[in-house]
């Protein structure tokens, strides 16, 4: 039963992030791109001050999969790199921590572009 509860909490927390984003899209004049940037920035800030870590432990993939999780990953990578390498870690830590996800997104996007037939608008 404990395993099922982990899935339920992951679904509820991840769904909560989606609900908040949808409300922002529907009720404000914010563009989706600005909301995405706000989510990443919020993840960085909440990760930097230590608030996001307990949410990750509680909700697992429900907290790490949305864009706030990407921001959290960047802040965690910077924190670890600064501890290991000093100030230069502030510049390299975020990219090092997120390199696997970024590489996967680029490669899979390229593969999808090979098989998809894009058409110009108009």
PDB file of N, CA and C in Angstrom:
ATOM      1  N   UNK A   1       0.822  -1.203   0.000  1.00  0.00           N
ATOM      2  CA  UNK A   1       0.000   0.000   0.000  1.00  0.00           C
ATOM      3  C   UNK A   1       0.860   1.258   0.000  1.00  0.00           C
ATOM      4  N   UNK A   2       2.046   1.184   0.584  1.00  0.00           N
ATOM      5  CA  UNK A   2       2.913   2.348   0.658  1.00  0.00           C
ATOM      6  C   UNK A   2       3.356   2.778  -0.734  1.00  0.00           C
ATOM      7  N   UNK A   3       3.634   1.824  -1.620  1.00  0.00           N
ATOM      8  CA  UNK A   3       4.043   2.142  -2.986  1.00  0.00           C
ATOM      9  C   UNK A   3       2.963   2.872  -3.753  1.00  0.00           C
ATOM     10  N   UNK A   4       1.712   2.489  -3.541  1.00  0.00           N
ATOM     11  CA  UNK A   4       0.596   3.139  -4.219  1.00  0.00           C
ATOM     12  C   UNK A   4       0.456   4.580  -3.740  1.00  0.00           C
ATOM     13  N   UNK A   5       0.680   4.818  -2.462  1.00  0.00           N
ATOM     14  CA  UNK A   5       0.588   6.173  -1.917  1.00  0.00           C
ATOM     15  C   UNK A   5       1.666   7.074  -2.516  1.00  0.00           C
ATOM     16  N   UNK A   6       2.846   6.521  -2.805  1.00  0.00           N
ATOM     17  CA  UNK A   6       3.887   7.330  -3.440  1.00  0.00           C
ATOM     18  C   UNK A   6       3.423   7.803  -4.808  1.00  0.00           C
ATOM     19  N   UNK A   7       2.776   6.910  -5.563  1.00  0.00           N
ATOM     20  CA  UNK A   7       2.253   7.298  -6.867  1.00  0.00           C
ATOM     21  C   UNK A   7       1.153   8.349  -6.734  1.00  0.00           C
ATOM     22  N   UNK A   8       0.303   8.181  -5.760  1.00  0.00           N
ATOM     23  CA  UNK A   8      -0.796   9.134  -5.562  1.00  0.00           C
ATOM     24  C   UNK A   8      -0.256  10.509  -5.213  1.00  0.00           C
ATOM     25  N   UNK A   9       0.721  10.573  -4.279  1.00  0.00           N
ATOM     26  CA  UNK A   9       1.285  11.863  -3.895  1.00  0.00           C
ATOM     27  C   UNK A   9       2.047  12.499  -5.052  1.00  0.00           C
ATOM     28  N   UNK A  10       2.768  11.698  -5.827  1.00  0.00           N
ATOM     29  CA  UNK A  10       3.470  12.232  -6.997  1.00  0.00           C
ATOM     30  C   UNK A  10       2.469  12.820  -7.992  1.00  0.00           C
ATOM     31  N   UNK A  11       1.368  12.114  -8.220  1.00  0.00           N
ATOM     32  CA  UNK A  11       0.338  12.588  -9.130  1.00  0.00           C
ATOM     33  C   UNK A  11      -0.293  13.876  -8.615  1.00  0.00           C
ATOM     34  N   UNK A  12      -0.596  13.939  -7.332  1.00  0.00           N
ATOM     35  CA  UNK A  12      -1.258  15.120  -6.767  1.00  0.00           C
ATOM     36  C   UNK A  12      -0.341  16.340  -6.776  1.00  0.00           C
ATOM     37  N   UNK A  13       0.921  16.153  -6.419  1.00  0.00           N
ATOM     38  CA  UNK A  13       1.848  17.293  -6.388  1.00  0.00           C
ATOM     39  C   UNK A  13       2.142  17.769  -7.812  1.00  0.00           C
ATOM     40  N   UNK A  14       2.469  16.846  -8.723  1.00  0.00           N
ATOM     41  CA  UNK A  14       2.699  17.235 -10.107  1.00  0.00           C
ATOM     42  C   UNK A  14       1.465  17.850 -10.736  1.00  0.00           C
ATOM     43  N   UNK A  15       0.310  17.281 -10.451  1.00  0.00           N
ATOM     44  CA  UNK A  15      -0.944  17.851 -10.946  1.00  0.00           C
ATOM     45  C   UNK A  15      -1.224  19.216 -10.364  1.00  0.00           C
ATOM     46  N   UNK A  16      -0.831  19.411  -9.113  1.00  0.00           N
ATOM     47  CA  UNK A  16      -0.993  20.731  -8.494  1.00  0.00           C
ATOM     48  C   UNK A  16      -0.190  21.799  -9.212  1.00  0.00           C
ATOM     49  N   UNK A  17       1.039  21.449  -9.597  1.00  0.00           N
ATOM     50  CA  UNK A  17       1.849  22.393 -10.376  1.00  0.00           C
ATOM     51  C   UNK A  17       1.163  22.722 -11.699  1.00  0.00           C
ATOM     52  N   UNK A  18       0.601  21.721 -12.328  1.00  0.00           N
ATOM     53  CA  UNK A  18      -0.097  21.929 -13.604  1.00  0.00           C
ATOM     54  C   UNK A  18      -1.344  22.785 -13.426  1.00  0.00           C
ATOM     55  N   UNK A  19      -2.079  22.568 -12.345  1.00  0.00           N
ATOM     56  CA  UNK A  19      -3.282  23.355 -12.076  1.00  0.00           C
ATOM     57  C   UNK A  19      -2.920  24.819 -11.868  1.00  0.00           C
ATOM     58  N   UNK A  20      -1.852  25.069 -11.111  1.00  0.00           N
ATOM     59  CA  UNK A  20      -1.421  26.451 -10.875  1.00  0.00           C
ATOM     60  C   UNK A  20      -1.045  27.120 -12.196  1.00  0.00           C
ATOM     61  N   UNK A  21      -0.301  26.415 -13.031  1.00  0.00           N
ATOM     62  CA  UNK A  21       0.092  26.979 -14.328  1.00  0.00           C
ATOM     63  C   UNK A  21      -1.132  27.257 -15.195  1.00  0.00           C
ATOM     64  N   UNK A  22      -2.108  26.355 -15.197  1.00  0.00           N
ATOM     65  CA  UNK A  22      -3.309  26.560 -16.003  1.00  0.00           C
ATOM     66  C   UNK A  22      -4.114  27.741 -15.505  1.00  0.00           C
ATOM     67  N   UNK A  23      -4.194  27.903 -14.200  1.00  0.00           N
ATOM     68  CA  UNK A  23      -4.898  29.071 -13.647  1.00  0.00           C
ATOM     69  C   UNK A  23      -4.189  30.351 -14.061  1.00  0.00           C
ATOM     70  N   UNK A  24      -2.859  30.342 -14.013  1.00  0.00           N
ATOM     71  CA  UNK A  24      -2.103  31.528 -14.443  1.00  0.00           C
ATOM     72  C   UNK A  24      -2.338  31.834 -15.917  1.00  0.00           C
ATOM     73  N   UNK A  25      -2.416  30.813 -16.738  1.00  0.00           N
ATOM     74  CA  UNK A  25      -2.684  31.023 -18.167  1.00  0.00           C
ATOM     75  C   UNK A  25      -4.085  31.588 -18.380  1.00  0.00           C
ATOM     76  N   UNK A  26      -5.065  31.035 -17.665  1.00  0.00           N
ATOM     77  CA  UNK A  26      -6.454  31.433 -17.864  1.00  0.00           C
ATOM     78  C   UNK A  26      -6.798  32.785 -17.247  1.00  0.00           C
ATOM     79  N   UNK A  27      -6.249  33.100 -16.094  1.00  0.00           N
ATOM     80  CA  UNK A  27      -6.678  34.273 -15.336  1.00  0.00           C
ATOM     81  C   UNK A  27      -5.744  35.475 -15.435  1.00  0.00           C
ATOM     82  N   UNK A  28      -4.569  35.315 -16.027  1.00  0.00           N
ATOM     83  CA  UNK A  28      -3.643  36.435 -16.165  1.00  0.00           C
ATOM     84  C   UNK A  28      -3.301  36.622 -17.640  1.00  0.00           C
ATOM     85  N   UNK A  29      -2.567  37.659 -17.909  1.00  0.00           N
ATOM     86  CA  UNK A  29      -2.118  37.906 -19.279  1.00  0.00           C
ATOM     87  C   UNK A  29      -0.703  37.383 -19.488  1.00  0.00           C
ATOM     88  N   UNK A  30      -0.220  36.540 -18.573  1.00  0.00           N
ATOM     89  CA  UNK A  30       1.109  35.951 -18.728  1.00  0.00           C
ATOM     90  C   UNK A  30       1.108  34.951 -19.873  1.00  0.00           C
ATOM     91  N   UNK A  31       2.145  34.985 -20.663  1.00  0.00           N
ATOM     92  CA  UNK A  31       2.271  34.011 -21.741  1.00  0.00           C
ATOM     93  C   UNK A  31       2.797  32.698 -21.168  1.00  0.00           C
ATOM     94  N   UNK A  32       2.552  31.591 -21.845  1.00  0.00           N
ATOM     95  CA  UNK A  32       3.087  30.318 -21.360  1.00  0.00           C
ATOM     96  C   UNK A  32       4.602  30.336 -21.195  1.00  0.00           C
ATOM     97  N   UNK A  33       5.301  31.039 -22.069  1.00  0.00           N
ATOM     98  CA  UNK A  33       6.760  31.105 -21.956  1.00  0.00           C
ATOM     99  C   UNK A  33       7.175  31.793 -20.653  1.00  0.00           C
ATOM    100  N   UNK A  34       6.492  32.840 -20.271  1.00  0.00           N
ATOM    101  CA  UNK A  34       6.824  33.533 -19.015  1.00  0.00           C
ATOM    102  C   UNK A  34       6.501  32.674 -17.809  1.00  0.00           C
ATOM    103  N   UNK A  35       5.437  31.910 -17.898  1.00  0.00           N
ATOM    104  CA  UNK A  35       5.091  31.010 -16.796  1.00  0.00           C
ATOM    105  C   UNK A  35       6.147  29.916 -16.666  1.00  0.00           C
ATOM    106  N   UNK A  36       6.619  29.388 -17.781  1.00  0.00           N
ATOM    107  CA  UNK A  36       7.670  28.366 -17.737  1.00  0.00           C
ATOM    108  C   UNK A  36       8.940  28.913 -17.112  1.00  0.00           C
ATOM    109  N   UNK A  37       9.313  30.123 -17.500  1.00  0.00           N
ATOM    110  CA  UNK A  37      10.509  30.745 -16.918  1.00  0.00           C
ATOM    111  C   UNK A  37      10.296  30.992 -15.427  1.00  0.00           C
ATOM    112  N   UNK A  38       9.095  31.403 -15.052  1.00  0.00           N
ATOM    113  CA  UNK A  38       8.805  31.619 -13.634  1.00  0.00           C
ATOM    114  C   UNK A  38       8.898  30.315 -12.852  1.00  0.00           C
ATOM    115  N   UNK A  39       8.448  29.216 -13.439  1.00  0.00           N
ATOM    116  CA  UNK A  39       8.537  27.921 -12.767  1.00  0.00           C
ATOM    117  C   UNK A  39       9.990  27.503 -12.560  1.00  0.00           C
ATOM    118  N   UNK A  40      10.811  27.657 -13.579  1.00  0.00           N
ATOM    119  CA  UNK A  40      12.225  27.293 -13.431  1.00  0.00           C
ATOM    120  C   UNK A  40      12.883  28.182 -12.372  1.00  0.00           C
ATOM    121  N   UNK A  41      12.601  29.479 -12.435  1.00  0.00           N
ATOM    122  CA  UNK A  41      13.172  30.411 -11.462  1.00  0.00           C
ATOM    123  C   UNK A  41      12.705  30.092 -10.046  1.00  0.00           C
ATOM    124  N   UNK A  42      11.438  29.765  -9.901  1.00  0.00           N
ATOM    125  CA  UNK A  42      10.923  29.397  -8.581  1.00  0.00           C
ATOM    126  C   UNK A  42      11.610  28.136  -8.062  1.00  0.00           C
ATOM    127  N   UNK A  43      11.852  27.174  -8.944  1.00  0.00           N
ATOM    128  CA  UNK A  43      12.563  25.967  -8.537  1.00  0.00           C
ATOM    129  C   UNK A  43      13.973  26.256  -8.078  1.00  0.00           C
ATOM    130  N   UNK A  44      14.658  27.171  -8.777  1.00  0.00           N
ATOM    131  CA  UNK A  44      16.014  27.556  -8.376  1.00  0.00           C
ATOM    132  C   UNK A  44      15.988  28.219  -7.007  1.00  0.00           C
ATOM    133  N   UNK A  45      15.085  29.167  -6.822  1.00  0.00           N
ATOM    134  CA  UNK A  45      15.024  29.901  -5.557  1.00  0.00           C
ATOM    135  C   UNK A  45      14.633  28.979  -4.409  1.00  0.00           C
ATOM    136  N   UNK A  46      13.595  28.171  -4.609  1.00  0.00           N
ATOM    137  CA  UNK A  46      13.163  27.261  -3.539  1.00  0.00           C
ATOM    138  C   UNK A  46      14.220  26.201  -3.241  1.00  0.00           C
ATOM    139  N   UNK A  47      14.951  25.768  -4.268  1.00  0.00           N
ATOM    140  CA  UNK A  47      16.036  24.817  -4.047  1.00  0.00           C
ATOM    141  C   UNK A  47      17.203  25.450  -3.323  1.00  0.00           C
ATOM    142  N   UNK A  48      17.499  26.704  -3.641  1.00  0.00           N
ATOM    143  CA  UNK A  48      18.629  27.397  -3.024  1.00  0.00           C
ATOM    144  C   UNK A  48      18.403  27.642  -1.537  1.00  0.00           C
ATOM    145  N   UNK A  49      17.170  27.918  -1.154  1.00  0.00           N
ATOM    146  CA  UNK A  49      16.897  28.185   0.260  1.00  0.00           C
ATOM    147  C   UNK A  49      16.527  26.921   1.038  1.00  0.00           C
ATOM    148  N   UNK A  50      16.474  25.782   0.342  1.00  0.00           N
ATOM    149  CA  UNK A  50      16.251  24.509   1.021  1.00  0.00           C
ATOM    150  C   UNK A  50      14.808  24.106   1.216  1.00  0.00           C
ATOM    151  N   UNK A  51      13.888  24.802   0.598  1.00  0.00           N
ATOM    152  CA  UNK A  51      12.468  24.477   0.756  1.00  0.00           C
ATOM    153  C   UNK A  51      12.040  23.345  -0.181  1.00  0.00           C
ATOM    154  N   UNK A  52      12.653  23.249  -1.348  1.00  0.00           N
ATOM    155  CA  UNK A  52      12.213  22.281  -2.347  1.00  0.00           C
ATOM    156  C   UNK A  52      12.654  20.857  -2.032  1.00  0.00           C
ATOM    157  N   UNK A  53      13.748  20.691  -1.319  1.00  0.00           N
ATOM    158  CA  UNK A  53      14.265  19.351  -0.994  1.00  0.00           C
ATOM    159  C   UNK A  53      13.246  18.485  -0.252  1.00  0.00           C
ATOM    160  N   UNK A  54      12.578  19.001   0.796  1.00  0.00           N
ATOM    161  CA  UNK A  54      11.559  18.167   1.458  1.00  0.00           C
ATOM    162  C   UNK A  54      10.404  17.782   0.530  1.00  0.00           C
ATOM    163  N   UNK A  55      10.053  18.683  -0.400  1.00  0.00           N
ATOM    164  CA  UNK A  55       8.988  18.360  -1.347  1.00  0.00           C
ATOM    165  C   UNK A  55       9.419  17.235  -2.284  1.00  0.00           C
ATOM    166  N   UNK A  56      10.685  17.237  -2.692  1.00  0.00           N
ATOM    167  CA  UNK A  56      11.208  16.170  -3.546  1.00  0.00           C
ATOM    168  C   UNK A  56      11.198  14.844  -2.799  1.00  0.00           C
ATOM    169  N   UNK A  57      11.591  14.871  -1.533  1.00  0.00           N
ATOM    170  CA  UNK A  57      11.584  13.634  -0.736  1.00  0.00           C
ATOM    171  C   UNK A  57      10.175  13.110  -0.542  1.00  0.00           C
ATOM    172  N   UNK A  58       9.203  14.013  -0.426  1.00  0.00           N
ATOM    173  CA  UNK A  58       7.821  13.617  -0.191  1.00  0.00           C
ATOM    174  C   UNK A  58       7.139  13.145  -1.474  1.00  0.00           C
ATOM    175  N   UNK A  59       7.274  13.913  -2.558  1.00  0.00           N
ATOM    176  CA  UNK A  59       6.491  13.647  -3.764  1.00  0.00           C
ATOM    177  C   UNK A  59       7.278  12.959  -4.868  1.00  0.00           C
ATOM    178  N   UNK A  60       8.585  12.838  -4.751  1.00  0.00           N
ATOM    179  CA  UNK A  60       9.382  12.154  -5.762  1.00  0.00           C
ATOM    180  C   UNK A  60       9.251  12.781  -7.130  1.00  0.00           C
ATOM    181  N   UNK A  61       8.843  11.985  -8.114  1.00  0.00           N
ATOM    182  CA  UNK A  61       8.747  12.452  -9.492  1.00  0.00           C
ATOM    183  C   UNK A  61       7.690  13.542  -9.665  1.00  0.00           C
ATOM    184  N   UNK A  62       6.744  13.626  -8.778  1.00  0.00           N
ATOM    185  CA  UNK A  62       5.755  14.691  -8.851  1.00  0.00           C
ATOM    186  C   UNK A  62       6.358  16.057  -8.626  1.00  0.00           C
ATOM    187  N   UNK A  63       7.518  16.098  -7.960  1.00  0.00           N
ATOM    188  CA  UNK A  63       8.206  17.366  -7.726  1.00  0.00           C
ATOM    189  C   UNK A  63       9.410  17.550  -8.637  1.00  0.00           C
ATOM    190  N   UNK A  64       9.995  16.458  -9.128  1.00  0.00           N
ATOM    191  CA  UNK A  64      11.195  16.599  -9.952  1.00  0.00           C
ATOM    192  C   UNK A  64      10.889  16.668 -11.438  1.00  0.00           C
ATOM    193  N   UNK A  65       9.747  16.184 -11.876  1.00  0.00           N
ATOM    194  CA  UNK A  65       9.418  16.180 -13.301  1.00  0.00           C
ATOM    195  C   UNK A  65       9.008  17.546 -13.838  1.00  0.00           C
ATOM    196  N   UNK A  66       8.199  18.341 -13.139  1.00  0.00           N
ATOM    197  CA  UNK A  66       7.834  19.657 -13.685  1.00  0.00           C
ATOM    198  C   UNK A  66       9.057  20.579 -13.795  1.00  0.00           C
ATOM    199  N   UNK A  67       8.872  21.717 -14.417  1.00  0.00           N
ATOM    200  CA  UNK A  67       9.979  22.653 -14.615  1.00  0.00           C
ATOM    201  C   UNK A  67      10.551  23.183 -13.316  1.00  0.00           C
ATOM    202  N   UNK A  68       9.772  23.197 -12.262  1.00  0.00           N
ATOM    203  CA  UNK A  68      10.334  23.595 -10.970  1.00  0.00           C
ATOM    204  C   UNK A  68      11.403  22.598 -10.543  1.00  0.00           C
ATOM    205  N   UNK A  69      11.238  21.343 -10.907  1.00  0.00           N
ATOM    206  CA  UNK A  69      12.250  20.324 -10.610  1.00  0.00           C
ATOM    207  C   UNK A  69      13.536  20.572 -11.378  1.00  0.00           C
ATOM    208  N   UNK A  70      13.431  21.099 -12.610  1.00  0.00           N
ATOM    209  CA  UNK A  70      14.624  21.445 -13.376  1.00  0.00           C
ATOM    210  C   UNK A  70      15.371  22.588 -12.692  1.00  0.00           C
ATOM    211  N   UNK A  71      14.633  23.573 -12.220  1.00  0.00           N
ATOM    212  CA  UNK A  71      15.257  24.668 -11.475  1.00  0.00           C
ATOM    213  C   UNK A  71      15.915  24.177 -10.202  1.00  0.00           C
ATOM    214  N   UNK A  72      15.248  23.273  -9.509  1.00  0.00           N
ATOM    215  CA  UNK A  72      15.821  22.680  -8.297  1.00  0.00           C
ATOM    216  C   UNK A  72      17.105  21.927  -8.619  1.00  0.00           C
ATOM    217  N   UNK A  73      17.109  21.180  -9.713  1.00  0.00           N
ATOM    218  CA  UNK A  73      18.300  20.441 -10.127  1.00  0.00           C
ATOM    219  C   UNK A  73      19.466  21.392 -10.397  1.00  0.00           C
ATOM    220  N   UNK A  74      19.196  22.507 -11.035  1.00  0.00           N
ATOM    221  CA  UNK A  74      20.239  23.495 -11.304  1.00  0.00           C
ATOM    222  C   UNK A  74      20.792  24.049 -10.003  1.00  0.00           C
ATOM    223  N   UNK A  75      19.919  24.428  -9.071  1.00  0.00           N
ATOM    224  CA  UNK A  75      20.405  24.999  -7.807  1.00  0.00           C
ATOM    225  C   UNK A  75      21.183  23.975  -7.005  1.00  0.00           C
ATOM    226  N   UNK A  76      20.751  22.729  -7.032  1.00  0.00           N
ATOM    227  CA  UNK A  76      21.469  21.671  -6.318  1.00  0.00           C
ATOM    228  C   UNK A  76      22.850  21.452  -6.936  1.00  0.00           C
ATOM    229  N   UNK A  77      22.929  21.456  -8.264  1.00  0.00           N
ATOM    230  CA  UNK A  77      24.210  21.294  -8.938  1.00  0.00           C
ATOM    231  C   UNK A  77      25.167  22.434  -8.638  1.00  0.00           C
ATOM    232  N   UNK A  78      24.649  23.653  -8.608  1.00  0.00           N
ATOM    233  CA  UNK A  78      25.492  24.810  -8.296  1.00  0.00           C
ATOM    234  C   UNK A  78      25.990  24.723  -6.855  1.00  0.00           C
ATOM    235  N   UNK A  79      25.117  24.368  -5.934  1.00  0.00           N
ATOM    236  CA  UNK A  79      25.510  24.269  -4.519  1.00  0.00           C
ATOM    237  C   UNK A  79      26.623  23.244  -4.335  1.00  0.00           C
ATOM    238  N   UNK A  80      26.481  22.079  -4.961  1.00  0.00           N
ATOM    239  CA  UNK A  80      27.500  21.037  -4.837  1.00  0.00           C
ATOM    240  C   UNK A  80      28.810  21.450  -5.507  1.00  0.00           C
ATOM    241  N   UNK A  81      28.718  22.085  -6.680  1.00  0.00           N
ATOM    242  CA  UNK A  81      29.927  22.487  -7.399  1.00  0.00           C
ATOM    243  C   UNK A  81      30.668  23.607  -6.683  1.00  0.00           C
ATOM    244  N   UNK A  82      29.944  24.513  -6.069  1.00  0.00           N
ATOM    245  CA  UNK A  82      30.603  25.577  -5.308  1.00  0.00           C
ATOM    246  C   UNK A  82      31.337  24.985  -4.116  1.00  0.00           C
ATOM    247  N   UNK A  83      30.753  23.982  -3.490  1.00  0.00           N
ATOM    248  CA  UNK A  83      31.420  23.312  -2.377  1.00  0.00           C
ATOM    249  C   UNK A  83      32.685  22.589  -2.806  1.00  0.00           C
ATOM    250  N   UNK A  84      32.701  22.044  -4.019  1.00  0.00           N
ATOM    251  CA  UNK A  84      33.858  21.293  -4.508  1.00  0.00           C
ATOM    252  C   UNK A  84      34.902  22.178  -5.174  1.00  0.00           C
ATOM    253  N   UNK A  85      34.458  23.133  -5.996  1.00  0.00           N
ATOM    254  CA  UNK A  85      35.390  23.891  -6.842  1.00  0.00           C
ATOM    255  C   UNK A  85      35.455  25.373  -6.532  1.00  0.00           C
ATOM    256  N   UNK A  86      34.675  25.839  -5.593  1.00  0.00           N
ATOM    257  CA  UNK A  86      34.689  27.257  -5.273  1.00  0.00           C
ATOM    258  C   UNK A  86      33.828  28.062  -6.228  1.00  0.00           C
ATOM    259  N   UNK A  87      34.247  29.287  -6.481  1.00  0.00           N
ATOM    260  CA  UNK A  87      33.447  30.215  -7.274  1.00  0.00           C
ATOM    261  C   UNK A  87      33.202  29.741  -8.702  1.00  0.00           C
ATOM    262  N   UNK A  88      34.151  29.048  -9.292  1.00  0.00           N
ATOM    263  CA  UNK A  88      33.957  28.558 -10.663  1.00  0.00           C
ATOM    264  C   UNK A  88      32.785  27.562 -10.722  1.00  0.00           C
ATOM    265  N   UNK A  89      32.500  26.899  -9.615  1.00  0.00           N
ATOM    266  CA  UNK A  89      31.373  25.981  -9.542  1.00  0.00           C
ATOM    267  C   UNK A  89      30.036  26.670  -9.733  1.00  0.00           C
ATOM    268  N   UNK A  90      29.976  27.975  -9.409  1.00  0.00           N
ATOM    269  CA  UNK A  90      28.739  28.730  -9.616  1.00  0.00           C
ATOM    270  C   UNK A  90      28.423  28.857 -11.098  1.00  0.00           C
ATOM    271  N   UNK A  91      29.445  28.799 -11.927  1.00  0.00           N
ATOM    272  CA  UNK A  91      29.253  28.917 -13.369  1.00  0.00           C
ATOM    273  C   UNK A  91      29.059  27.571 -14.052  1.00  0.00           C
ATOM    274  N   UNK A  92      29.629  26.522 -13.490  1.00  0.00           N
ATOM    275  CA  UNK A  92      29.592  25.219 -14.157  1.00  0.00           C
ATOM    276  C   UNK A  92      28.644  24.220 -13.521  1.00  0.00           C
ATOM    277  N   UNK A  93      28.285  24.408 -12.293  1.00  0.00           N
ATOM    278  CA  UNK A  93      27.496  23.413 -11.558  1.00  0.00           C
ATOM    279  C   UNK A  93      26.128  23.123 -12.134  1.00  0.00           C
ATOM    280  N   UNK A  94      25.412  24.162 -12.545  1.00  0.00           N
ATOM    281  CA  UNK A  94      24.068  23.960 -13.089  1.00  0.00           C
ATOM    282  C   UNK A  94      24.072  23.166 -14.381  1.00  0.00           C
ATOM    283  N   UNK A  95      25.007  23.486 -15.268  1.00  0.00           N
ATOM    284  CA  UNK A  95      25.079  22.749 -16.531  1.00  0.00           C
ATOM    285  C   UNK A  95      25.550  21.323 -16.324  1.00  0.00           C
ATOM    286  N   UNK A  96      26.477  21.135 -15.413  1.00  0.00           N
ATOM    287  CA  UNK A  96      26.969  19.782 -15.144  1.00  0.00           C
ATOM    288  C   UNK A  96      25.849  18.910 -14.582  1.00  0.00           C
ATOM    289  N   UNK A  97      25.065  19.460 -13.675  1.00  0.00           N
ATOM    290  CA  UNK A  97      23.990  18.689 -13.057  1.00  0.00           C
ATOM    291  C   UNK A  97      22.885  18.344 -14.047  1.00  0.00           C
ATOM    292  N   UNK A  98      22.616  19.255 -14.972  1.00  0.00           N
ATOM    293  CA  UNK A  98      21.501  19.060 -15.899  1.00  0.00           C
ATOM    294  C   UNK A  98      21.935  18.550 -17.263  1.00  0.00           C
ATOM    295  N   UNK A  99      23.209  18.221 -17.424  1.00  0.00           N
ATOM    296  CA  UNK A  99      23.734  17.842 -18.742  1.00  0.00           C
ATOM    297  C   UNK A  99      23.018  16.633 -19.339  1.00  0.00           C
ATOM    298  N   UNK A 100      22.724  15.633 -18.548  1.00  0.00           N
ATOM    299  CA  UNK A 100      22.062  14.429 -19.065  1.00  0.00           C
ATOM    300  C   UNK A 100      20.688  14.742 -19.625  1.00  0.00           C
ATOM    301  N   UNK A 101      19.896  15.512 -18.896  1.00  0.00           N
ATOM    302  CA  UNK A 101      18.566  15.867 -19.363  1.00  0.00           C
ATOM    303  C   UNK A 101      18.595  16.766 -20.578  1.00  0.00           C
ATOM    304  N   UNK A 102      19.533  17.711 -20.595  1.00  0.00           N
ATOM    305  CA  UNK A 102      19.650  18.607 -21.739  1.00  0.00           C
ATOM    306  C   UNK A 102      20.067  17.823 -22.982  1.00  0.00           C
ATOM    307  N   UNK A 103      21.047  16.931 -22.828  1.00  0.00           N
ATOM    308  CA  UNK A 103      21.502  16.119 -23.967  1.00  0.00           C
ATOM    309  C   UNK A 103      20.384  15.224 -24.495  1.00  0.00           C
ATOM    310  N   UNK A 104      19.616  14.631 -23.589  1.00  0.00           N
ATOM    311  CA  UNK A 104      18.504  13.781 -24.015  1.00  0.00           C
ATOM    312  C   UNK A 104      17.456  14.592 -24.772  1.00  0.00           C
ATOM    313  N   UNK A 105      17.154  15.789 -24.291  1.00  0.00           N
ATOM    314  CA  UNK A 105      16.167  16.628 -24.964  1.00  0.00           C
ATOM    315  C   UNK A 105      16.634  17.012 -26.360  1.00  0.00           C
ATOM    316  N   UNK A 106      17.909  17.338 -26.495  1.00  0.00           N
ATOM    317  CA  UNK A 106      18.430  17.719 -27.808  1.00  0.00           C
ATOM    318  C   UNK A 106      18.414  16.524 -28.766  1.00  0.00           C
ATOM    319  N   UNK A 107      18.911  15.395 -28.306  1.00  0.00           N
ATOM    320  CA  UNK A 107      18.977  14.204 -29.169  1.00  0.00           C
ATOM    321  C   UNK A 107      17.588  13.718 -29.570  1.00  0.00           C
ATOM    322  N   UNK A 108      16.681  13.622 -28.612  1.00  0.00           N
ATOM    323  CA  UNK A 108      15.336  13.146 -28.931  1.00  0.00           C
ATOM    324  C   UNK A 108      14.572  14.155 -29.791  1.00  0.00           C
ATOM    325  N   UNK A 109      14.822  15.441 -29.571  1.00  0.00           N
ATOM    326  CA  UNK A 109      14.212  16.453 -30.420  1.00  0.00           C
ATOM    327  C   UNK A 109      14.707  16.356 -31.858  1.00  0.00           C
ATOM    328  N   UNK A 110      16.000  16.081 -32.015  1.00  0.00           N
ATOM    329  CA  UNK A 110      16.563  15.919 -33.361  1.00  0.00           C
ATOM    330  C   UNK A 110      15.977  14.681 -34.043  1.00  0.00           C
ATOM    331  N   UNK A 111      15.871  13.593 -33.306  1.00  0.00           N
ATOM    332  CA  UNK A 111      15.292  12.367 -33.875  1.00  0.00           C
ATOM    333  C   UNK A 111      13.836  12.605 -34.281  1.00  0.00           C
ATOM    334  N   UNK A 112      13.088  13.306 -33.448  1.00  0.00           N
ATOM    335  CA  UNK A 112      11.697  13.608 -33.792  1.00  0.00           C
ATOM    336  C   UNK A 112      11.624  14.493 -35.030  1.00  0.00           C
ATOM    337  N   UNK A 113      12.566  15.423 -35.162  1.00  0.00           N
ATOM    338  CA  UNK A 113      12.574  16.305 -36.331  1.00  0.00           C
ATOM    339  C   UNK A 113      12.892  15.541 -37.616  1.00  0.00           C
ATOM    340  N   UNK A 114      13.671  14.487 -37.504  1.00  0.00           N
ATOM    341  CA  UNK A 114      13.991  13.679 -38.684  1.00  0.00           C
ATOM    342  C   UNK A 114      12.731  12.997 -39.215  1.00  0.00           C
ATOM    343  N   UNK A 115      11.905  12.475 -38.322  1.00  0.00           N
ATOM    344  CA  UNK A 115      10.732  11.718 -38.741  1.00  0.00           C
ATOM    345  C   UNK A 115       9.499  12.585 -38.979  1.00  0.00           C
ATOM    346  N   UNK A 116       9.453  13.771 -38.408  1.00  0.00           N
ATOM    347  CA  UNK A 116       8.308  14.643 -38.602  1.00  0.00           C
ATOM    348  C   UNK A 116       8.521  15.497 -39.846  1.00  0.00           C
ATOM    349  N   UNK A 117       7.462  15.776 -40.519  1.00  0.00           N
ATOM    350  CA  UNK A 117       7.527  16.602 -41.711  1.00  0.00           C
ATOM    351  C   UNK A 117       6.918  17.963 -41.371  1.00  0.00           C
ATOM    352  N   UNK A 118       7.758  18.894 -40.971  1.00  0.00           N
ATOM    353  CA  UNK A 118       7.277  20.231 -40.641  1.00  0.00           C
ATOM    354  C   UNK A 118       6.870  20.998 -41.887  1.00  0.00           C
ATOM    355  N   UNK A 119       5.829  21.773 -41.767  1.00  0.00           N
ATOM    356  CA  UNK A 119       5.343  22.575 -42.885  1.00  0.00           C
ATOM    357  C   UNK A 119       5.345  24.038 -42.470  1.00  0.00           C
ATOM    358  N   UNK A 120       5.800  24.914 -43.351  1.00  0.00           N
ATOM    359  CA  UNK A 120       5.777  26.341 -43.003  1.00  0.00           C
ATOM    360  C   UNK A 120       4.332  26.850 -42.925  1.00  0.00           C
ATOM    361  N   UNK A 121       4.131  27.824 -42.075  1.00  0.00           N
ATOM    362  CA  UNK A 121       2.795  28.398 -41.942  1.00  0.00           C
ATOM    363  C   UNK A 121       2.532  29.352 -43.102  1.00  0.00           C
ATOM    364  N   UNK A 122       1.292  29.374 -43.525  1.00  0.00           N
ATOM    365  CA  UNK A 122       0.877  30.344 -44.551  1.00  0.00           C
ATOM    366  C   UNK A 122       1.185  29.868 -45.859  1.00  0.00           C
TER     367      UNK A 122
END
